[in-house]
Amino acid sequence: MRDFFRLDTSRSTNTGGAGLGLAIAKEIVNAHGGNIFVQSHTEKTVFTVVLPQKQEKDKLSA
């Protein structure tokens, strides 16, 4: 497992937040069998959350 950390040192806990949001999101998504992916570029960073679809009961018993 990889830890998340801030690359921008100018953003500290003095400006708000403890930096736990992504770590908490990762734990929740993992608990539901999903994944979080990241694509980082010069001007933006995109996080994609993928969760499995809920299966209907009829499909499970077939």
PDB file of N, CA and C in Angstrom:
ATOM      1  N   MET A   1       0.841  -1.160   0.000  1.00  0.00           N
ATOM      2  CA  MET A   1       0.000   0.000   0.000  1.00  0.00           C
ATOM      3  C   MET A   1       0.897   1.236   0.000  1.00  0.00           C
ATOM      4  N   ARG A   2       0.520   2.226  -0.825  1.00  0.00           N
ATOM      5  CA  ARG A   2       1.285   3.463  -0.902  1.00  0.00           C
ATOM      6  C   ARG A   2       0.586   4.557  -0.117  1.00  0.00           C
ATOM      7  N   ASP A   3       1.373   5.363   0.569  1.00  0.00           N
ATOM      8  CA  ASP A   3       0.832   6.491   1.310  1.00  0.00           C
ATOM      9  C   ASP A   3       0.643   7.680   0.378  1.00  0.00           C
ATOM     10  N   PHE A   4      -0.340   8.518   0.692  1.00  0.00           N
ATOM     11  CA  PHE A   4      -0.549   9.755  -0.030  1.00  0.00           C
ATOM     12  C   PHE A   4       0.160  10.871   0.724  1.00  0.00           C
ATOM     13  N   PHE A   5       0.701  11.815  -0.002  1.00  0.00           N
ATOM     14  CA  PHE A   5       1.363  12.936   0.637  1.00  0.00           C
ATOM     15  C   PHE A   5       1.225  14.166  -0.243  1.00  0.00           C
ATOM     16  N   ARG A   6       1.453  15.324   0.342  1.00  0.00           N
ATOM     17  CA  ARG A   6       1.344  16.581  -0.383  1.00  0.00           C
ATOM     18  C   ARG A   6       2.664  16.901  -1.068  1.00  0.00           C
ATOM     19  N   LEU A   7       2.582  17.205  -2.361  1.00  0.00           N
ATOM     20  CA  LEU A   7       3.768  17.645  -3.074  1.00  0.00           C
ATOM     21  C   LEU A   7       3.977  19.143  -2.915  1.00  0.00           C
ATOM     22  N   ASP A   8       2.883  19.867  -2.754  1.00  0.00           N
ATOM     23  CA  ASP A   8       2.933  21.318  -2.637  1.00  0.00           C
ATOM     24  C   ASP A   8       3.115  21.697  -1.169  1.00  0.00           C
ATOM     25  N   THR A   9       4.332  22.031  -0.792  1.00  0.00           N
ATOM     26  CA  THR A   9       4.618  22.330   0.615  1.00  0.00           C
ATOM     27  C   THR A   9       4.018  23.661   1.054  1.00  0.00           C
ATOM     28  N   SER A  10       3.561  24.481   0.100  1.00  0.00           N
ATOM     29  CA  SER A  10       2.946  25.750   0.480  1.00  0.00           C
ATOM     30  C   SER A  10       1.560  25.537   1.082  1.00  0.00           C
ATOM     31  N   ARG A  11       0.979  24.370   0.863  1.00  0.00           N
ATOM     32  CA  ARG A  11      -0.331  24.049   1.439  1.00  0.00           C
ATOM     33  C   ARG A  11      -0.102  23.279   2.719  1.00  0.00           C
ATOM     34  N   SER A  12      -0.269  23.937   3.815  1.00  0.00           N
ATOM     35  CA  SER A  12      -0.057  23.295   5.103  1.00  0.00           C
ATOM     36  C   SER A  12      -1.365  23.220   5.865  1.00  0.00           C
ATOM     37  N   THR A  13      -1.320  22.627   7.042  1.00  0.00           N
ATOM     38  CA  THR A  13      -2.524  22.553   7.867  1.00  0.00           C
ATOM     39  C   THR A  13      -2.943  23.930   8.342  1.00  0.00           C
ATOM     40  N   ASN A  14      -2.082  24.922   8.209  1.00  0.00           N
ATOM     41  CA  ASN A  14      -2.444  26.296   8.573  1.00  0.00           C
ATOM     42  C   ASN A  14      -3.497  26.867   7.626  1.00  0.00           C
ATOM     43  N   THR A  15      -3.550  26.357   6.397  1.00  0.00           N
ATOM     44  CA  THR A  15      -4.510  26.871   5.411  1.00  0.00           C
ATOM     45  C   THR A  15      -5.772  26.036   5.369  1.00  0.00           C
ATOM     46  N   GLY A  16      -5.911  25.092   6.254  1.00  0.00           N
ATOM     47  CA  GLY A  16      -7.129  24.297   6.339  1.00  0.00           C
ATOM     48  C   GLY A  16      -6.901  22.846   5.973  1.00  0.00           C
ATOM     49  N   GLY A  17      -7.609  21.971   6.650  1.00  0.00           N
ATOM     50  CA  GLY A  17      -7.535  20.548   6.350  1.00  0.00           C
ATOM     51  C   GLY A  17      -6.319  19.886   6.969  1.00  0.00           C
ATOM     52  N   ALA A  18      -6.453  18.601   7.168  1.00  0.00           N
ATOM     53  CA  ALA A  18      -5.350  17.821   7.729  1.00  0.00           C
ATOM     54  C   ALA A  18      -4.717  16.921   6.679  1.00  0.00           C
ATOM     55  N   GLY A  19      -5.220  16.990   5.442  1.00  0.00           N
ATOM     56  CA  GLY A  19      -4.666  16.167   4.387  1.00  0.00           C
ATOM     57  C   GLY A  19      -5.120  14.721   4.453  1.00  0.00           C
ATOM     58  N   LEU A  20      -6.232  14.458   5.117  1.00  0.00           N
ATOM     59  CA  LEU A  20      -6.710  13.081   5.288  1.00  0.00           C
ATOM     60  C   LEU A  20      -7.779  12.678   4.271  1.00  0.00           C
ATOM     61  N   GLY A  21      -8.320  13.620   3.525  1.00  0.00           N
ATOM     62  CA  GLY A  21      -9.439  13.345   2.629  1.00  0.00           C
ATOM     63  C   GLY A  21      -9.195  12.208   1.658  1.00  0.00           C
ATOM     64  N   LEU A  22      -8.075  12.235   0.959  1.00  0.00           N
ATOM     65  CA  LEU A  22      -7.785  11.203  -0.027  1.00  0.00           C
ATOM     66  C   LEU A  22      -7.528   9.852   0.631  1.00  0.00           C
ATOM     67  N   ALA A  23      -6.847   9.845   1.759  1.00  0.00           N
ATOM     68  CA  ALA A  23      -6.586   8.591   2.468  1.00  0.00           C
ATOM     69  C   ALA A  23      -7.891   7.964   2.965  1.00  0.00           C
ATOM     70  N   ILE A  24      -8.801   8.801   3.462  1.00  0.00           N
ATOM     71  CA  ILE A  24     -10.105   8.291   3.920  1.00  0.00           C
ATOM     72  C   ILE A  24     -10.912   7.776   2.731  1.00  0.00           C
ATOM     73  N   ALA A  25     -10.924   8.543   1.645  1.00  0.00           N
ATOM     74  CA  ALA A  25     -11.640   8.114   0.437  1.00  0.00           C
ATOM     75  C   ALA A  25     -11.108   6.775  -0.061  1.00  0.00           C
ATOM     76  N   LYS A  26      -9.793   6.616  -0.044  1.00  0.00           N
ATOM     77  CA  LYS A  26      -9.174   5.359  -0.499  1.00  0.00           C
ATOM     78  C   LYS A  26      -9.642   4.173   0.350  1.00  0.00           C
ATOM     79  N   GLU A  27      -9.683   4.347   1.651  1.00  0.00           N
ATOM     80  CA  GLU A  27     -10.125   3.267   2.542  1.00  0.00           C
ATOM     81  C   GLU A  27     -11.593   2.904   2.290  1.00  0.00           C
ATOM     82  N   ILE A  28     -12.438   3.902   2.103  1.00  0.00           N
ATOM     83  CA  ILE A  28     -13.865   3.646   1.837  1.00  0.00           C
ATOM     84  C   ILE A  28     -14.042   2.921   0.510  1.00  0.00           C
ATOM     85  N   VAL A  29     -13.354   3.394  -0.525  1.00  0.00           N
ATOM     86  CA  VAL A  29     -13.468   2.775  -1.847  1.00  0.00           C
ATOM     87  C   VAL A  29     -12.941   1.343  -1.812  1.00  0.00           C
ATOM     88  N   ASN A  30     -11.808   1.122  -1.161  1.00  0.00           N
ATOM     89  CA  ASN A  30     -11.258  -0.241  -1.042  1.00  0.00           C
ATOM     90  C   ASN A  30     -12.216  -1.167  -0.290  1.00  0.00           C
ATOM     91  N   ALA A  31     -12.867  -0.659   0.748  1.00  0.00           N
ATOM     92  CA  ALA A  31     -13.805  -1.468   1.529  1.00  0.00           C
ATOM     93  C   ALA A  31     -14.993  -1.928   0.690  1.00  0.00           C
ATOM     94  N   HIS A  32     -15.290  -1.199  -0.362  1.00  0.00           N
ATOM     95  CA  HIS A  32     -16.409  -1.542  -1.245  1.00  0.00           C
ATOM     96  C   HIS A  32     -15.939  -2.246  -2.521  1.00  0.00           C
ATOM     97  N   GLY A  33     -14.686  -2.664  -2.543  1.00  0.00           N
ATOM     98  CA  GLY A  33     -14.165  -3.422  -3.686  1.00  0.00           C
ATOM     99  C   GLY A  33     -13.836  -2.569  -4.889  1.00  0.00           C
ATOM    100  N   GLY A  34     -13.615  -1.290  -4.686  1.00  0.00           N
ATOM    101  CA  GLY A  34     -13.314  -0.386  -5.802  1.00  0.00           C
ATOM    102  C   GLY A  34     -11.864   0.042  -5.828  1.00  0.00           C
ATOM    103  N   ASN A  35     -11.583   0.986  -6.702  1.00  0.00           N
ATOM    104  CA  ASN A  35     -10.234   1.516  -6.866  1.00  0.00           C
ATOM    105  C   ASN A  35     -10.285   3.014  -7.100  1.00  0.00           C
ATOM    106  N   ILE A  36      -9.208   3.696  -6.749  1.00  0.00           N
ATOM    107  CA  ILE A  36      -9.022   5.107  -7.078  1.00  0.00           C
ATOM    108  C   ILE A  36      -7.789   5.202  -7.964  1.00  0.00           C
ATOM    109  N   PHE A  37      -7.948   5.922  -9.071  1.00  0.00           N
ATOM    110  CA  PHE A  37      -6.842   6.136  -9.998  1.00  0.00           C
ATOM    111  C   PHE A  37      -6.564   7.629 -10.072  1.00  0.00           C
ATOM    112  N   VAL A  38      -5.327   7.989 -10.357  1.00  0.00           N
ATOM    113  CA  VAL A  38      -4.958   9.397 -10.462  1.00  0.00           C
ATOM    114  C   VAL A  38      -4.189   9.638 -11.753  1.00  0.00           C
ATOM    115  N   GLN A  39      -4.506  10.764 -12.396  1.00  0.00           N
ATOM    116  CA  GLN A  39      -3.757  11.241 -13.556  1.00  0.00           C
ATOM    117  C   GLN A  39      -3.354  12.666 -13.233  1.00  0.00           C
ATOM    118  N   SER A  40      -2.064  12.924 -13.213  1.00  0.00           N
ATOM    119  CA  SER A  40      -1.582  14.244 -12.842  1.00  0.00           C
ATOM    120  C   SER A  40      -0.861  14.881 -14.017  1.00  0.00           C
ATOM    121  N   HIS A  41      -1.237  16.128 -14.270  1.00  0.00           N
ATOM    122  CA  HIS A  41      -0.629  16.916 -15.338  1.00  0.00           C
ATOM    123  C   HIS A  41      -0.189  18.248 -14.746  1.00  0.00           C
ATOM    124  N   THR A  42       0.473  19.052 -15.522  1.00  0.00           N
ATOM    125  CA  THR A  42       1.008  20.323 -15.036  1.00  0.00           C
ATOM    126  C   THR A  42      -0.057  21.200 -14.403  1.00  0.00           C
ATOM    127  N   GLU A  43      -1.209  21.315 -15.051  1.00  0.00           N
ATOM    128  CA  GLU A  43      -2.226  22.247 -14.578  1.00  0.00           C
ATOM    129  C   GLU A  43      -3.360  21.609 -13.789  1.00  0.00           C
ATOM    130  N   LYS A  44      -3.467  20.289 -13.813  1.00  0.00           N
ATOM    131  CA  LYS A  44      -4.585  19.666 -13.090  1.00  0.00           C
ATOM    132  C   LYS A  44      -4.257  18.234 -12.706  1.00  0.00           C
ATOM    133  N   THR A  45      -4.972  17.761 -11.716  1.00  0.00           N
ATOM    134  CA  THR A  45      -4.901  16.368 -11.282  1.00  0.00           C
ATOM    135  C   THR A  45      -6.312  15.832 -11.254  1.00  0.00           C
ATOM    136  N   VAL A  46      -6.519  14.648 -11.853  1.00  0.00           N
ATOM    137  CA  VAL A  46      -7.848  14.040 -11.935  1.00  0.00           C
ATOM    138  C   VAL A  46      -7.832  12.722 -11.170  1.00  0.00           C
ATOM    139  N   PHE A  47      -8.760  12.588 -10.229  1.00  0.00           N
ATOM    140  CA  PHE A  47      -8.940  11.343  -9.492  1.00  0.00           C
ATOM    141  C   PHE A  47     -10.192  10.661 -10.021  1.00  0.00           C
ATOM    142  N   THR A  48     -10.082   9.378 -10.331  1.00  0.00           N
ATOM    143  CA  THR A  48     -11.214   8.600 -10.827  1.00  0.00           C
ATOM    144  C   THR A  48     -11.510   7.498  -9.823  1.00  0.00           C
ATOM    145  N   VAL A  49     -12.763   7.424  -9.394  1.00  0.00           N
ATOM    146  CA  VAL A  49     -13.199   6.392  -8.454  1.00  0.00           C
ATOM    147  C   VAL A  49     -14.036   5.383  -9.226  1.00  0.00           C
ATOM    148  N   VAL A  50     -13.671   4.107  -9.131  1.00  0.00           N
ATOM    149  CA  VAL A  50     -14.400   3.032  -9.804  1.00  0.00           C
ATOM    150  C   VAL A  50     -14.932   2.082  -8.739  1.00  0.00           C
ATOM    151  N   LEU A  51     -16.244   1.894  -8.731  1.00  0.00           N
ATOM    152  CA  LEU A  51     -16.902   0.997  -7.781  1.00  0.00           C
ATOM    153  C   LEU A  51     -17.623  -0.103  -8.546  1.00  0.00           C
ATOM    154  N   PRO A  52     -17.685  -1.317  -7.992  1.00  0.00           N
ATOM    155  CA  PRO A  52     -18.419  -2.390  -8.664  1.00  0.00           C
ATOM    156  C   PRO A  52     -19.919  -2.092  -8.649  1.00  0.00           C
ATOM    157  N   GLN A  53     -20.603  -2.559  -9.680  1.00  0.00           N
ATOM    158  CA  GLN A  53     -22.049  -2.396  -9.736  1.00  0.00           C
ATOM    159  C   GLN A  53     -22.728  -3.335  -8.760  1.00  0.00           C
ATOM    160  N   LYS A  54     -23.823  -2.867  -8.199  1.00  0.00           N
ATOM    161  CA  LYS A  54     -24.629  -3.709  -7.320  1.00  0.00           C
ATOM    162  C   LYS A  54     -25.389  -4.709  -8.182  1.00  0.00           C
ATOM    163  N   GLN A  55     -25.322  -5.979  -7.809  1.00  0.00           N
ATOM    164  CA  GLN A  55     -26.026  -7.017  -8.554  1.00  0.00           C
ATOM    165  C   GLN A  55     -27.418  -7.207  -7.974  1.00  0.00           C
ATOM    166  N   GLU A  56     -28.369  -7.423  -8.870  1.00  0.00           N
ATOM    167  CA  GLU A  56     -29.734  -7.689  -8.427  1.00  0.00           C
ATOM    168  C   GLU A  56     -29.824  -9.104  -7.859  1.00  0.00           C
ATOM    169  N   LYS A  57     -30.736  -9.336  -6.916  1.00  0.00           N
ATOM    170  CA  LYS A  57     -30.882 -10.640  -6.281  1.00  0.00           C
ATOM    171  C   LYS A  57     -31.210 -11.729  -7.290  1.00  0.00           C
ATOM    172  N   ASP A  58     -32.059 -11.433  -8.279  1.00  0.00           N
ATOM    173  CA  ASP A  58     -32.435 -12.433  -9.287  1.00  0.00           C
ATOM    174  C   ASP A  58     -31.222 -12.917 -10.074  1.00  0.00           C
ATOM    175  N   LYS A  59     -30.306 -12.034 -10.357  1.00  0.00           N
ATOM    176  CA  LYS A  59     -29.117 -12.412 -11.120  1.00  0.00           C
ATOM    177  C   LYS A  59     -28.174 -13.276 -10.281  1.00  0.00           C
ATOM    178  N   LEU A  60     -28.167 -13.080  -8.974  1.00  0.00           N
ATOM    179  CA  LEU A  60     -27.281 -13.858  -8.102  1.00  0.00           C
ATOM    180  C   LEU A  60     -27.733 -15.306  -7.995  1.00  0.00           C
ATOM    181  N   SER A  61     -29.040 -15.557  -8.025  1.00  0.00           N
ATOM    182  CA  SER A  61     -29.539 -16.921  -7.865  1.00  0.00           C
ATOM    183  C   SER A  61     -29.610 -17.683  -9.183  1.00  0.00           C
ATOM    184  N   ALA A  62     -29.341 -17.029 -10.296  1.00  0.00           N
ATOM    185  CA  ALA A  62     -29.447 -17.690 -11.605  1.00  0.00           C
ATOM    186  C   ALA A  62     -28.279 -18.593 -11.876  1.00  0.00           C
TER     187      ALA A  62
END
